[in-house]
Amino acid sequence: MNVELRHLRALAAIGDEGTLTGAARALHITQPALSRTLAQLEQRLGVRLVERTTRSLRLTGPGERLWESAHRILGQLDDALADAAGQRVPRPLRLAFAWAAVGSHTVPLLRDWRERHPEVPVHIRRADDPAALLRRGEADLVFLRGRPAPDDPYLVHRAVTHERRMAAVPVGHPLADRAEVALADLGAETVALCATAATTSAELWPAGRRPRTVTVPGVDEWLTTIATGAAVGVTAEGTVHQHPHPGVRYLPVRDADPVTVHLAWPARPGHPSTDAFRRHVESHLAESHLAESRHVESRLTESHLAESHLVESHFAERGGPARTGR
C-alpha cells in the first residue's frame, strides 16, 4: 500500500489533537500540507479515516484503530532506532489505572517492587481509558475494573483480585451510621454514576427496583455530588483507599457481587520487565490475601477463647462445673 511514516505521524497527531490546526502545529507543517498527507493516506488505503465537517472532526472506526496502531508502531520504531544508535537507556515501566490501582495493596506492592528491582522504576498514570493507552503503546500494564473486550487482539489480561462493592453516602445521611447496607436500602436514592471507568450501573439492581441515576464526568465530581447530599454512590473497595473524602462515608454492600480487578498488558509486550511485574503482582496479592485470612482466623480464635473464658468464669462464680458432659 506504500504507506510511509509521515502518514502515520499525521494520523497520530490528528487523533491526539482533535483538529487539523492543532495537528499541523504539533507537526510543524502547514494545515494544507497535513490535509494532503491525510487524503493521500486515505486514498492508498481505500478507506475513510477521518470524518470532517466545517465545525468538527472525528476519527472513523478504521481511523481510530489505525491511530492506536500508529502510536504503537512509532513508539517501537523510536526505541529501535535509539537502541541501534547506542542511545537507548532503560525506560521506566509504565503502569496505568482509572480510579485506583489495587486499593490498599498499591503502595506495599510498588514499594516491594522497588526494593526487589531498583533498576526498573515504575511510573504510574491515571487515565479515563487505561486500555486505550495499552493499545497505543503509551502504557506497559494497566489495572482494569471490568473485563476487557474478549475479541481485542492487542491485550492479554488476567484476574488478580476481587473487591467488595461499597456504598458511598454523605456524612449525616440516615444510612451513614450502619455497619453495612443492602442494595434495596439505596433503591430509593439518586445514585451518581461516573462517566469514566464506572464499575456500577442501574443494572446492578433488579429490574423494577432500579434507582434514579445521574451521570457525572469524573471521580472528583462523583465525590462532590455525594458529599453535598445530591446523591449516593456504589463503587469498588479500591476507591475507599484511593479516594477518601471528609464528607463521604463508605459502607459495605452485603448483597452485591464483588468487582474483579484485572491486570492487562499488550499481546506483544513492549517492556522487557512486563512479565516479571505481572508475576510480582500475582505473588504479592496472593501473599497479602493469605496474611489477611490468617489474621481473620486468629481474631476468630481469640474471640472464641475469650468467650470460653467468660463461660468458665460464669460457672465458677456459681460454684457449678465449668464444663458439662463429665
C-alpha atoms as a PDB file:
ATOM      1  CA  MET A   1       0.000   0.000   0.000  1.00  0.00           C
ATOM      2  CA  ASN A   2       3.080   2.237   0.118  1.00  0.00           C
ATOM      3  CA  VAL A   3       2.196   3.848   3.452  1.00  0.00           C
ATOM      4  CA  GLU A   4       5.001   5.978   4.839  1.00  0.00           C
ATOM      5  CA  LEU A   5       5.932   7.046   8.342  1.00  0.00           C
ATOM      6  CA  ARG A   6       4.797  10.608   7.618  1.00  0.00           C
ATOM      7  CA  HIS A   7       1.310   9.252   7.006  1.00  0.00           C
ATOM      8  CA  LEU A   8       1.259   7.506  10.386  1.00  0.00           C
ATOM      9  CA  ARG A   9       2.660  10.557  12.170  1.00  0.00           C
ATOM     10  CA  ALA A  10      -0.014  12.715  10.544  1.00  0.00           C
ATOM     11  CA  LEU A  11      -2.873  10.453  11.661  1.00  0.00           C
ATOM     12  CA  ALA A  12      -1.389  10.096  15.163  1.00  0.00           C
ATOM     13  CA  ALA A  13      -1.257  13.886  15.537  1.00  0.00           C
ATOM     14  CA  ILE A  14      -4.785  14.372  14.184  1.00  0.00           C
ATOM     15  CA  GLY A  15      -6.200  11.837  16.622  1.00  0.00           C
ATOM     16  CA  ASP A  16      -4.255  13.348  19.516  1.00  0.00           C
ATOM     17  CA  GLU A  17      -5.075  16.986  18.839  1.00  0.00           C
ATOM     18  CA  GLY A  18      -8.630  16.597  17.579  1.00  0.00           C
ATOM     19  CA  THR A  19      -8.230  19.328  14.956  1.00  0.00           C
ATOM     20  CA  LEU A  20      -6.232  19.750  11.766  1.00  0.00           C
ATOM     21  CA  THR A  21      -4.967  23.107  13.006  1.00  0.00           C
ATOM     22  CA  GLY A  22      -3.623  21.650  16.254  1.00  0.00           C
ATOM     23  CA  ALA A  23      -2.139  18.617  14.495  1.00  0.00           C
ATOM     24  CA  ALA A  24      -0.371  20.775  11.909  1.00  0.00           C
ATOM     25  CA  ARG A  25       1.059  22.926  14.685  1.00  0.00           C
ATOM     26  CA  ALA A  26       2.301  19.847  16.567  1.00  0.00           C
ATOM     27  CA  LEU A  27       3.982  18.503  13.426  1.00  0.00           C
ATOM     28  CA  HIS A  28       5.413  21.923  12.441  1.00  0.00           C
ATOM     29  CA  ILE A  29       3.827  21.802   8.988  1.00  0.00           C
ATOM     30  CA  THR A  30       1.093  23.811   7.299  1.00  0.00           C
ATOM     31  CA  GLN A  31      -2.531  22.758   7.520  1.00  0.00           C
ATOM     32  CA  PRO A  32      -2.872  22.324   3.710  1.00  0.00           C
ATOM     33  CA  ALA A  33       0.187  20.032   3.730  1.00  0.00           C
ATOM     34  CA  LEU A  34      -1.359  17.964   6.525  1.00  0.00           C
ATOM     35  CA  SER A  35      -4.674  17.737   4.668  1.00  0.00           C
ATOM     36  CA  ARG A  36      -2.873  16.468   1.556  1.00  0.00           C
ATOM     37  CA  THR A  37      -0.995  13.852   3.590  1.00  0.00           C
ATOM     38  CA  LEU A  38      -4.223  12.624   5.165  1.00  0.00           C
ATOM     39  CA  ALA A  39      -6.005  12.491   1.810  1.00  0.00           C
ATOM     40  CA  GLN A  40      -3.106  10.541   0.351  1.00  0.00           C
ATOM     41  CA  LEU A  41      -3.222   8.016   3.217  1.00  0.00           C
ATOM     42  CA  GLU A  42      -6.973   7.529   2.812  1.00  0.00           C
ATOM     43  CA  GLN A  43      -6.566   7.110  -0.960  1.00  0.00           C
ATOM     44  CA  ARG A  44      -3.838   4.482  -0.585  1.00  0.00           C
ATOM     45  CA  LEU A  45      -5.835   2.534   1.987  1.00  0.00           C
ATOM     46  CA  GLY A  46      -9.134   2.955   0.188  1.00  0.00           C
ATOM     47  CA  VAL A  47     -10.982   3.822   3.398  1.00  0.00           C
ATOM     48  CA  ARG A  48     -12.187   6.972   5.137  1.00  0.00           C
ATOM     49  CA  LEU A  49     -10.165   7.583   8.310  1.00  0.00           C
ATOM     50  CA  VAL A  50     -11.451  10.990   9.405  1.00  0.00           C
ATOM     51  CA  GLU A  51     -14.939  12.478   9.187  1.00  0.00           C
ATOM     52  CA  ARG A  52     -14.669  16.214   8.628  1.00  0.00           C
ATOM     53  CA  THR A  53     -17.308  18.937   8.702  1.00  0.00           C
ATOM     54  CA  THR A  54     -16.975  22.708   8.867  1.00  0.00           C
ATOM     55  CA  ARG A  55     -17.287  22.539  12.667  1.00  0.00           C
ATOM     56  CA  SER A  56     -15.951  19.182  13.826  1.00  0.00           C
ATOM     57  CA  LEU A  57     -13.542  16.360  13.165  1.00  0.00           C
ATOM     58  CA  ARG A  58     -13.641  12.783  14.417  1.00  0.00           C
ATOM     59  CA  LEU A  59     -11.887   9.523  13.616  1.00  0.00           C
ATOM     60  CA  THR A  60     -13.922   6.797  11.966  1.00  0.00           C
ATOM     61  CA  GLY A  61     -13.794   3.223  13.305  1.00  0.00           C
ATOM     62  CA  PRO A  62     -10.918   2.262  10.965  1.00  0.00           C
ATOM     63  CA  GLY A  63      -9.269   5.612  11.669  1.00  0.00           C
ATOM     64  CA  GLU A  64      -9.359   5.087  15.427  1.00  0.00           C
ATOM     65  CA  ARG A  65      -7.878   1.593  15.135  1.00  0.00           C
ATOM     66  CA  LEU A  66      -5.083   2.809  12.866  1.00  0.00           C
ATOM     67  CA  TRP A  67      -4.482   5.805  15.162  1.00  0.00           C
ATOM     68  CA  GLU A  68      -3.869   3.455  18.106  1.00  0.00           C
ATOM     69  CA  SER A  69      -1.643   1.190  15.994  1.00  0.00           C
ATOM     70  CA  ALA A  70       0.285   4.185  14.650  1.00  0.00           C
ATOM     71  CA  HIS A  71       1.229   5.250  18.178  1.00  0.00           C
ATOM     72  CA  ARG A  72       2.424   1.751  18.995  1.00  0.00           C
ATOM     73  CA  ILE A  73       4.406   1.404  15.752  1.00  0.00           C
ATOM     74  CA  LEU A  74       6.044   4.815  16.039  1.00  0.00           C
ATOM     75  CA  GLY A  75       6.995   4.201  19.666  1.00  0.00           C
ATOM     76  CA  GLN A  76       8.583   0.854  18.837  1.00  0.00           C
ATOM     77  CA  LEU A  77      10.451   2.429  15.934  1.00  0.00           C
ATOM     78  CA  ASP A  78      11.837   5.224  18.117  1.00  0.00           C
ATOM     79  CA  ASP A  79      13.019   2.649  20.675  1.00  0.00           C
ATOM     80  CA  ALA A  80      14.641   0.524  17.955  1.00  0.00           C
ATOM     81  CA  LEU A  81      16.463   3.482  16.402  1.00  0.00           C
ATOM     82  CA  ALA A  82      17.728   4.686  19.779  1.00  0.00           C
ATOM     83  CA  ASP A  83      18.923   1.169  20.592  1.00  0.00           C
ATOM     84  CA  ALA A  84      20.718   0.831  17.240  1.00  0.00           C
ATOM     85  CA  ALA A  85      22.429   4.168  17.778  1.00  0.00           C
ATOM     86  CA  GLY A  86      23.549   3.137  21.269  1.00  0.00           C
ATOM     87  CA  GLN A  87      21.437   5.902  22.811  1.00  0.00           C
ATOM     88  CA  ARG A  88      18.752   3.818  24.455  1.00  0.00           C
ATOM     89  CA  VAL A  89      18.569   3.945  28.226  1.00  0.00           C
ATOM     90  CA  PRO A  90      16.351   1.645  30.309  1.00  0.00           C
ATOM     91  CA  ARG A  91      12.954   3.301  30.467  1.00  0.00           C
ATOM     92  CA  PRO A  92      10.512   3.059  33.371  1.00  0.00           C
ATOM     93  CA  LEU A  93       7.717   0.541  33.432  1.00  0.00           C
ATOM     94  CA  ARG A  94       4.516   2.490  32.779  1.00  0.00           C
ATOM     95  CA  LEU A  95       1.530   1.420  34.895  1.00  0.00           C
ATOM     96  CA  ALA A  96      -1.906   2.984  34.366  1.00  0.00           C
ATOM     97  CA  PHE A  97      -5.286   2.768  36.086  1.00  0.00           C
ATOM     98  CA  ALA A  98      -8.577   4.640  36.131  1.00  0.00           C
ATOM     99  CA  TRP A  99      -9.694   5.321  39.717  1.00  0.00           C
ATOM    100  CA  ALA A 100      -7.454   3.104  41.782  1.00  0.00           C
ATOM    101  CA  ALA A 101      -4.737   0.559  41.185  1.00  0.00           C
ATOM    102  CA  VAL A 102      -5.273  -2.237  43.741  1.00  0.00           C
ATOM    103  CA  GLY A 103      -6.558  -0.179  46.649  1.00  0.00           C
ATOM    104  CA  SER A 104      -4.747  -0.674  49.958  1.00  0.00           C
ATOM    105  CA  HIS A 105      -2.318  -3.097  48.295  1.00  0.00           C
ATOM    106  CA  THR A 106      -0.977  -0.477  45.846  1.00  0.00           C
ATOM    107  CA  VAL A 107       1.721   1.201  47.928  1.00  0.00           C
ATOM    108  CA  PRO A 108       3.093  -2.012  49.534  1.00  0.00           C
ATOM    109  CA  LEU A 109       3.130  -3.696  46.110  1.00  0.00           C
ATOM    110  CA  LEU A 110       5.076  -0.853  44.473  1.00  0.00           C
ATOM    111  CA  ARG A 111       7.450  -0.487  47.426  1.00  0.00           C
ATOM    112  CA  ASP A 112       8.199  -4.199  47.312  1.00  0.00           C
ATOM    113  CA  TRP A 113       8.898  -3.978  43.573  1.00  0.00           C
ATOM    114  CA  ARG A 114      11.210  -1.012  44.128  1.00  0.00           C
ATOM    115  CA  GLU A 115      13.205  -2.944  46.734  1.00  0.00           C
ATOM    116  CA  ARG A 116      13.496  -6.031  44.543  1.00  0.00           C
ATOM    117  CA  HIS A 117      14.018  -4.254  41.198  1.00  0.00           C
ATOM    118  CA  PRO A 118      15.608  -0.849  41.841  1.00  0.00           C
ATOM    119  CA  GLU A 119      16.891  -0.791  38.256  1.00  0.00           C
ATOM    120  CA  VAL A 120      13.316  -0.728  36.844  1.00  0.00           C
ATOM    121  CA  PRO A 121      11.328   2.204  38.250  1.00  0.00           C
ATOM    122  CA  VAL A 122       7.552   2.205  37.828  1.00  0.00           C
ATOM    123  CA  HIS A 123       5.791   5.347  36.644  1.00  0.00           C
ATOM    124  CA  ILE A 124       2.064   5.417  37.427  1.00  0.00           C
ATOM    125  CA  ARG A 125      -0.585   7.315  35.492  1.00  0.00           C
ATOM    126  CA  ARG A 126      -4.304   7.819  35.967  1.00  0.00           C
ATOM    127  CA  ALA A 127      -6.346   7.702  32.764  1.00  0.00           C
ATOM    128  CA  ASP A 128     -10.042   7.600  31.921  1.00  0.00           C
ATOM    129  CA  ASP A 129      -9.409   4.729  29.476  1.00  0.00           C
ATOM    130  CA  PRO A 130      -6.293   2.792  30.534  1.00  0.00           C
ATOM    131  CA  ALA A 131      -6.884   0.047  27.938  1.00  0.00           C
ATOM    132  CA  ALA A 132      -6.581   2.638  25.165  1.00  0.00           C
ATOM    133  CA  LEU A 133      -3.120   3.546  26.484  1.00  0.00           C
ATOM    134  CA  LEU A 134      -2.081  -0.084  26.059  1.00  0.00           C
ATOM    135  CA  ARG A 135      -3.355  -0.225  22.503  1.00  0.00           C
ATOM    136  CA  ARG A 136      -1.470   2.978  21.655  1.00  0.00           C
ATOM    137  CA  GLY A 137       1.732   1.778  23.298  1.00  0.00           C
ATOM    138  CA  GLU A 138       1.606   4.515  25.958  1.00  0.00           C
ATOM    139  CA  ALA A 139       1.407   2.087  28.903  1.00  0.00           C
ATOM    140  CA  ASP A 140       3.021  -1.282  29.591  1.00  0.00           C
ATOM    141  CA  LEU A 141       0.457  -2.642  32.059  1.00  0.00           C
ATOM    142  CA  VAL A 142      -2.903  -1.432  33.363  1.00  0.00           C
ATOM    143  CA  PHE A 143      -5.311  -2.322  36.136  1.00  0.00           C
ATOM    144  CA  LEU A 144      -8.910  -2.606  34.962  1.00  0.00           C
ATOM    145  CA  ARG A 145     -12.132  -2.993  36.936  1.00  0.00           C
ATOM    146  CA  GLY A 146     -14.110  -4.595  34.186  1.00  0.00           C
ATOM    147  CA  ARG A 147     -13.241  -7.353  31.764  1.00  0.00           C
ATOM    148  CA  PRO A 148     -11.550  -6.165  28.545  1.00  0.00           C
ATOM    149  CA  ALA A 149     -13.273  -6.930  25.251  1.00  0.00           C
ATOM    150  CA  PRO A 150     -12.816 -10.656  24.554  1.00  0.00           C
ATOM    151  CA  ASP A 151     -12.084 -10.043  20.865  1.00  0.00           C
ATOM    152  CA  ASP A 152      -9.348  -7.459  21.459  1.00  0.00           C
ATOM    153  CA  PRO A 153      -6.274  -8.967  19.754  1.00  0.00           C
ATOM    154  CA  TYR A 154      -3.871  -6.477  21.312  1.00  0.00           C
ATOM    155  CA  LEU A 155      -4.493  -7.157  25.002  1.00  0.00           C
ATOM    156  CA  VAL A 156      -3.843 -10.055  27.354  1.00  0.00           C
ATOM    157  CA  HIS A 157      -5.426  -9.925  30.797  1.00  0.00           C
ATOM    158  CA  ARG A 158      -5.707 -11.909  33.995  1.00  0.00           C
ATOM    159  CA  ALA A 159      -7.917 -11.517  37.056  1.00  0.00           C
ATOM    160  CA  VAL A 160      -5.686 -10.731  40.028  1.00  0.00           C
ATOM    161  CA  THR A 161      -8.074  -9.911  42.886  1.00  0.00           C
ATOM    162  CA  HIS A 162     -11.678  -9.225  43.865  1.00  0.00           C
ATOM    163  CA  GLU A 163     -13.023  -6.218  45.751  1.00  0.00           C
ATOM    164  CA  ARG A 164     -16.190  -5.756  47.750  1.00  0.00           C
ATOM    165  CA  ARG A 165     -18.722  -3.270  46.481  1.00  0.00           C
ATOM    166  CA  MET A 166     -19.029  -0.266  48.752  1.00  0.00           C
ATOM    167  CA  ALA A 167     -21.810   2.274  49.115  1.00  0.00           C
ATOM    168  CA  ALA A 168     -20.749   5.910  49.327  1.00  0.00           C
ATOM    169  CA  VAL A 169     -23.166   8.106  51.274  1.00  0.00           C
ATOM    170  CA  PRO A 170     -22.858  11.669  52.581  1.00  0.00           C
ATOM    171  CA  VAL A 171     -21.898  12.157  56.198  1.00  0.00           C
ATOM    172  CA  GLY A 172     -25.122  12.690  58.160  1.00  0.00           C
ATOM    173  CA  HIS A 173     -27.190  10.517  55.821  1.00  0.00           C
ATOM    174  CA  PRO A 174     -29.619   8.130  57.610  1.00  0.00           C
ATOM    175  CA  LEU A 175     -27.575   5.172  56.332  1.00  0.00           C
ATOM    176  CA  ALA A 176     -24.198   6.585  57.373  1.00  0.00           C
ATOM    177  CA  ASP A 177     -24.209   5.042  60.870  1.00  0.00           C
ATOM    178  CA  ARG A 178     -24.876   1.499  59.686  1.00  0.00           C
ATOM    179  CA  ALA A 179     -22.204  -1.181  59.574  1.00  0.00           C
ATOM    180  CA  GLU A 180     -23.370  -2.275  56.098  1.00  0.00           C
ATOM    181  CA  VAL A 181     -26.233  -1.719  53.666  1.00  0.00           C
ATOM    182  CA  ALA A 182     -28.214  -3.675  51.080  1.00  0.00           C
ATOM    183  CA  LEU A 183     -28.963  -2.651  47.516  1.00  0.00           C
ATOM    184  CA  ALA A 184     -32.610  -2.174  48.493  1.00  0.00           C
ATOM    185  CA  ASP A 185     -31.531   0.494  51.006  1.00  0.00           C
ATOM    186  CA  LEU A 186     -30.148   2.536  48.107  1.00  0.00           C
ATOM    187  CA  GLY A 187     -33.019   1.907  45.688  1.00  0.00           C
ATOM    188  CA  ALA A 188     -34.986   4.981  46.753  1.00  0.00           C
ATOM    189  CA  GLU A 189     -31.948   7.251  46.409  1.00  0.00           C
ATOM    190  CA  THR A 190     -30.476   9.042  43.410  1.00  0.00           C
ATOM    191  CA  VAL A 191     -27.293   7.165  42.505  1.00  0.00           C
ATOM    192  CA  ALA A 192     -24.351   9.021  40.974  1.00  0.00           C
ATOM    193  CA  LEU A 193     -22.643   7.194  38.112  1.00  0.00           C
ATOM    194  CA  CYS A 194     -19.186   8.156  36.885  1.00  0.00           C
ATOM    195  CA  ALA A 195     -18.861   8.556  33.108  1.00  0.00           C
ATOM    196  CA  THR A 196     -15.240   7.335  33.179  1.00  0.00           C
ATOM    197  CA  ALA A 197     -14.236   3.868  34.363  1.00  0.00           C
ATOM    198  CA  ALA A 198     -17.556   3.189  36.101  1.00  0.00           C
ATOM    199  CA  THR A 199     -17.952  -0.099  37.979  1.00  0.00           C
ATOM    200  CA  THR A 200     -21.660   0.432  38.643  1.00  0.00           C
ATOM    201  CA  SER A 201     -24.795   0.906  36.544  1.00  0.00           C
ATOM    202  CA  ALA A 202     -28.514   0.778  37.257  1.00  0.00           C
ATOM    203  CA  GLU A 203     -28.444  -2.873  36.102  1.00  0.00           C
ATOM    204  CA  LEU A 204     -26.827  -3.753  39.447  1.00  0.00           C
ATOM    205  CA  TRP A 205     -30.367  -3.556  40.913  1.00  0.00           C
ATOM    206  CA  PRO A 206     -33.164  -5.978  39.960  1.00  0.00           C
ATOM    207  CA  ALA A 207     -35.480  -4.877  37.148  1.00  0.00           C
ATOM    208  CA  GLY A 208     -38.382  -2.866  38.504  1.00  0.00           C
ATOM    209  CA  ARG A 209     -36.398  -1.724  41.546  1.00  0.00           C
ATOM    210  CA  ARG A 210     -33.707   0.320  39.889  1.00  0.00           C
ATOM    211  CA  PRO A 211     -32.886   3.753  41.324  1.00  0.00           C
ATOM    212  CA  ARG A 212     -32.790   7.126  39.647  1.00  0.00           C
ATOM    213  CA  THR A 213     -29.309   7.888  38.343  1.00  0.00           C
ATOM    214  CA  VAL A 214     -27.264  10.947  37.482  1.00  0.00           C
ATOM    215  CA  THR A 215     -24.047  10.769  35.458  1.00  0.00           C
ATOM    216  CA  VAL A 216     -21.034  12.906  36.392  1.00  0.00           C
ATOM    217  CA  PRO A 217     -17.793  13.382  34.406  1.00  0.00           C
ATOM    218  CA  GLY A 218     -15.141  12.078  36.823  1.00  0.00           C
ATOM    219  CA  VAL A 219     -14.163  10.960  40.302  1.00  0.00           C
ATOM    220  CA  ASP A 220     -13.883  14.471  41.781  1.00  0.00           C
ATOM    221  CA  GLU A 221     -17.378  15.356  40.592  1.00  0.00           C
ATOM    222  CA  TRP A 222     -18.656  11.982  41.832  1.00  0.00           C
ATOM    223  CA  LEU A 223     -17.297  12.576  45.333  1.00  0.00           C
ATOM    224  CA  THR A 224     -18.537  16.179  45.487  1.00  0.00           C
ATOM    225  CA  THR A 225     -22.025  15.214  44.301  1.00  0.00           C
ATOM    226  CA  ILE A 226     -22.245  12.623  47.081  1.00  0.00           C
ATOM    227  CA  ALA A 227     -20.687  14.808  49.784  1.00  0.00           C
ATOM    228  CA  THR A 228     -23.197  17.599  49.136  1.00  0.00           C
ATOM    229  CA  GLY A 229     -26.091  15.183  49.600  1.00  0.00           C
ATOM    230  CA  ALA A 230     -27.313  15.259  45.998  1.00  0.00           C
ATOM    231  CA  ALA A 231     -26.806  11.521  45.521  1.00  0.00           C
ATOM    232  CA  VAL A 232     -25.256   8.321  46.846  1.00  0.00           C
ATOM    233  CA  GLY A 233     -22.894   6.003  45.003  1.00  0.00           C
ATOM    234  CA  VAL A 234     -21.702   2.422  44.688  1.00  0.00           C
ATOM    235  CA  THR A 235     -18.082   1.659  43.904  1.00  0.00           C
ATOM    236  CA  ALA A 236     -15.293  -0.888  44.304  1.00  0.00           C
ATOM    237  CA  GLU A 237     -13.376  -1.145  47.568  1.00  0.00           C
ATOM    238  CA  GLY A 238     -10.224   0.268  45.977  1.00  0.00           C
ATOM    239  CA  THR A 239     -11.928   3.674  45.845  1.00  0.00           C
ATOM    240  CA  VAL A 240     -12.131   3.738  49.638  1.00  0.00           C
ATOM    241  CA  HIS A 241      -8.339   3.693  49.933  1.00  0.00           C
ATOM    242  CA  GLN A 242      -7.523   5.791  46.869  1.00  0.00           C
ATOM    243  CA  HIS A 243     -10.165   8.497  47.333  1.00  0.00           C
ATOM    244  CA  PRO A 244     -11.077   9.128  50.996  1.00  0.00           C
ATOM    245  CA  HIS A 245     -13.258  12.205  51.434  1.00  0.00           C
ATOM    246  CA  PRO A 246     -14.216  14.008  54.675  1.00  0.00           C
ATOM    247  CA  GLY A 247     -17.812  14.360  53.515  1.00  0.00           C
ATOM    248  CA  VAL A 248     -18.308  10.785  52.338  1.00  0.00           C
ATOM    249  CA  ARG A 249     -18.837   7.591  54.360  1.00  0.00           C
ATOM    250  CA  TYR A 250     -18.140   4.218  52.725  1.00  0.00           C
ATOM    251  CA  LEU A 251     -20.158   1.139  53.757  1.00  0.00           C
ATOM    252  CA  PRO A 252     -20.030  -2.479  52.500  1.00  0.00           C
ATOM    253  CA  VAL A 253     -22.950  -3.569  50.299  1.00  0.00           C
ATOM    254  CA  ARG A 254     -23.754  -7.032  51.617  1.00  0.00           C
ATOM    255  CA  ASP A 255     -25.810  -8.387  48.702  1.00  0.00           C
ATOM    256  CA  ALA A 256     -23.845  -7.128  45.662  1.00  0.00           C
ATOM    257  CA  ASP A 257     -21.383  -9.250  43.723  1.00  0.00           C
ATOM    258  CA  PRO A 258     -17.723  -8.241  44.094  1.00  0.00           C
ATOM    259  CA  VAL A 259     -15.787  -6.370  41.419  1.00  0.00           C
ATOM    260  CA  THR A 260     -12.996  -8.281  39.678  1.00  0.00           C
ATOM    261  CA  VAL A 261      -9.720  -6.422  39.121  1.00  0.00           C
ATOM    262  CA  HIS A 262      -7.788  -7.433  36.011  1.00  0.00           C
ATOM    263  CA  LEU A 263      -4.165  -6.780  35.130  1.00  0.00           C
ATOM    264  CA  ALA A 264      -3.775  -6.295  31.368  1.00  0.00           C
ATOM    265  CA  TRP A 265      -0.743  -5.956  29.105  1.00  0.00           C
ATOM    266  CA  PRO A 266      -0.052  -5.957  25.339  1.00  0.00           C
ATOM    267  CA  ALA A 267      -0.089  -9.264  23.475  1.00  0.00           C
ATOM    268  CA  ARG A 268       3.389  -8.250  22.334  1.00  0.00           C
ATOM    269  CA  PRO A 269       4.911  -6.585  25.417  1.00  0.00           C
ATOM    270  CA  GLY A 270       6.976  -3.512  24.727  1.00  0.00           C
ATOM    271  CA  HIS A 271       8.902  -3.576  28.013  1.00  0.00           C
ATOM    272  CA  PRO A 272      11.243  -6.444  28.980  1.00  0.00           C
ATOM    273  CA  SER A 273      10.052  -6.380  32.611  1.00  0.00           C
ATOM    274  CA  THR A 274       6.356  -6.785  31.787  1.00  0.00           C
ATOM    275  CA  ASP A 275       6.215 -10.484  32.689  1.00  0.00           C
ATOM    276  CA  ALA A 276       8.297 -10.021  35.840  1.00  0.00           C
ATOM    277  CA  PHE A 277       5.934  -7.299  37.062  1.00  0.00           C
ATOM    278  CA  ARG A 278       2.893  -9.465  36.304  1.00  0.00           C
ATOM    279  CA  ARG A 279       4.353 -12.306  38.388  1.00  0.00           C
ATOM    280  CA  HIS A 280       5.199  -9.829  41.150  1.00  0.00           C
ATOM    281  CA  VAL A 281       1.595  -8.568  41.282  1.00  0.00           C
ATOM    282  CA  GLU A 282       0.174 -12.079  41.434  1.00  0.00           C
ATOM    283  CA  SER A 283       2.557 -13.319  44.140  1.00  0.00           C
ATOM    284  CA  HIS A 284       2.270 -10.140  46.237  1.00  0.00           C
ATOM    285  CA  LEU A 285      -1.531 -10.200  46.203  1.00  0.00           C
ATOM    286  CA  ALA A 286      -1.622 -13.935  46.956  1.00  0.00           C
ATOM    287  CA  GLU A 287       0.662 -13.435  49.980  1.00  0.00           C
ATOM    288  CA  SER A 288      -1.380 -10.429  51.147  1.00  0.00           C
ATOM    289  CA  HIS A 289      -4.668 -12.315  50.926  1.00  0.00           C
ATOM    290  CA  LEU A 290      -3.162 -15.282  52.794  1.00  0.00           C
ATOM    291  CA  ALA A 291      -1.922 -12.977  55.554  1.00  0.00           C
ATOM    292  CA  GLU A 292      -5.359 -11.359  55.790  1.00  0.00           C
ATOM    293  CA  SER A 293      -7.042 -14.771  56.044  1.00  0.00           C
ATOM    294  CA  ARG A 294      -4.675 -15.827  58.824  1.00  0.00           C
ATOM    295  CA  HIS A 295      -5.351 -12.573  60.660  1.00  0.00           C
ATOM    296  CA  VAL A 296      -9.107 -13.151  60.461  1.00  0.00           C
ATOM    297  CA  GLU A 297      -8.697 -16.748  61.694  1.00  0.00           C
ATOM    298  CA  SER A 298      -6.522 -15.531  64.563  1.00  0.00           C
ATOM    299  CA  ARG A 299      -9.116 -12.941  65.570  1.00  0.00           C
ATOM    300  CA  LEU A 300     -11.871 -15.573  65.450  1.00  0.00           C
ATOM    301  CA  THR A 301      -9.783 -17.931  67.609  1.00  0.00           C
ATOM    302  CA  GLU A 302      -9.101 -15.157  70.123  1.00  0.00           C
ATOM    303  CA  SER A 303     -12.806 -14.330  70.221  1.00  0.00           C
ATOM    304  CA  HIS A 304     -13.717 -17.986  70.777  1.00  0.00           C
ATOM    305  CA  LEU A 305     -11.177 -18.334  73.592  1.00  0.00           C
ATOM    306  CA  ALA A 306     -12.412 -15.156  75.258  1.00  0.00           C
ATOM    307  CA  GLU A 307     -15.982 -16.435  75.050  1.00  0.00           C
ATOM    308  CA  SER A 308     -14.931 -19.777  76.592  1.00  0.00           C
ATOM    309  CA  HIS A 309     -13.212 -17.983  79.476  1.00  0.00           C
ATOM    310  CA  LEU A 310     -16.386 -15.980  80.128  1.00  0.00           C
ATOM    311  CA  VAL A 311     -18.451 -19.181  80.244  1.00  0.00           C
ATOM    312  CA  GLU A 312     -15.985 -20.816  82.630  1.00  0.00           C
ATOM    313  CA  SER A 313     -15.969 -17.728  84.851  1.00  0.00           C
ATOM    314  CA  HIS A 314     -19.759 -17.689  84.847  1.00  0.00           C
ATOM    315  CA  PHE A 315     -19.974 -21.280  86.124  1.00  0.00           C
ATOM    316  CA  ALA A 316     -17.118 -20.798  88.584  1.00  0.00           C
ATOM    317  CA  GLU A 317     -18.884 -17.847  90.209  1.00  0.00           C
ATOM    318  CA  ARG A 318     -21.950 -20.037  90.763  1.00  0.00           C
ATOM    319  CA  GLY A 319     -19.958 -22.971  92.131  1.00  0.00           C
ATOM    320  CA  GLY A 320     -21.084 -25.215  89.275  1.00  0.00           C
ATOM    321  CA  PRO A 321     -18.982 -27.206  86.826  1.00  0.00           C
ATOM    322  CA  ALA A 322     -17.149 -25.184  84.252  1.00  0.00           C
ATOM    323  CA  ARG A 323     -17.840 -27.859  81.671  1.00  0.00           C
ATOM    324  CA  THR A 324     -20.745 -30.227  81.154  1.00  0.00           C
ATOM    325  CA  GLY A 325     -20.816 -33.797  79.928  1.00  0.00           C
ATOM    326  CA  ARG A 326     -18.393 -35.245  82.530  1.00  0.00           C
END
